[in-house]
Protein backbone atom coordinates (compact mmCIF):
# COMPACT_ATOMS: atom_id res chain seq x y z
CA MET A 1 8.27 -2.72 -4.07
CA ILE A 2 6.11 -1.18 -6.79
CA THR A 3 6.77 -2.58 -10.20
CA LEU A 4 5.44 -1.32 -13.48
CA ASN A 5 4.16 -4.80 -14.30
CA MET A 6 1.55 -4.81 -11.53
CA ASN A 7 -2.00 -4.49 -12.76
CA HIS A 8 -4.85 -2.66 -11.02
CA ARG A 9 -6.06 -5.76 -9.17
CA GLU A 10 -2.59 -6.58 -7.79
CA ILE A 11 -2.00 -2.99 -6.66
CA THR A 12 -5.41 -2.87 -4.98
CA LYS A 13 -4.77 -6.19 -3.22
CA LYS A 14 -1.37 -5.05 -1.98
CA TYR A 15 -2.90 -1.74 -0.81
CA SER A 16 -5.57 -3.51 1.24
CA GLU A 17 -2.98 -5.90 2.72
CA LEU A 18 -0.84 -2.95 3.84
CA LEU A 19 -3.82 -1.22 5.46
CA ASN A 20 -4.73 -4.44 7.26
CA LYS A 21 -1.16 -4.85 8.54
CA ALA A 22 -1.13 -1.21 9.70
CA GLU A 23 -4.35 -1.77 11.64
CA PHE A 24 -2.76 -4.55 13.68
CA ALA A 25 0.77 -3.10 13.91
CA THR A 26 2.06 -2.36 17.39
CA GLY A 27 4.78 0.24 16.95
CA ARG A 28 4.40 3.82 15.78
CA LYS A 29 7.24 3.57 13.26
CA GLU A 30 5.82 0.36 11.87
CA VAL A 31 2.38 1.93 11.38
CA VAL A 32 3.81 5.06 9.75
CA GLY A 33 5.97 3.00 7.38
CA LEU A 34 3.06 0.83 6.30
CA LEU A 35 0.80 3.84 5.77
CA LYS A 36 3.46 5.56 3.65
CA LYS A 37 3.76 2.46 1.47
CA ALA A 38 -0.03 2.31 1.15
CA ALA A 39 -0.14 5.99 0.16
CA LYS A 40 2.42 5.36 -2.60
CA LEU A 41 0.30 2.50 -3.92
CA LYS A 42 -2.85 4.62 -3.80
CA SER A 43 -1.16 7.34 -5.82
CA GLN A 44 -0.02 4.68 -8.28
CA ILE A 45 -3.65 3.56 -8.67
CA GLU A 46 -4.85 7.13 -9.18
CA ILE A 47 -2.15 7.94 -11.74
CA ASN A 48 -2.70 4.83 -13.83
CA TYR A 49 -6.49 4.69 -13.68
């Protein structure tokens, strides 16, 4: 999912999309999975910038 070629803007966009999907998700597992992916992206943003 996360590639090294993604720039800051792309990572931020993907992060906000994941949070939006998690807000409207119906199942617990779906929400947890989306939030974990978002957390990985946030750490990627913090490490690189």
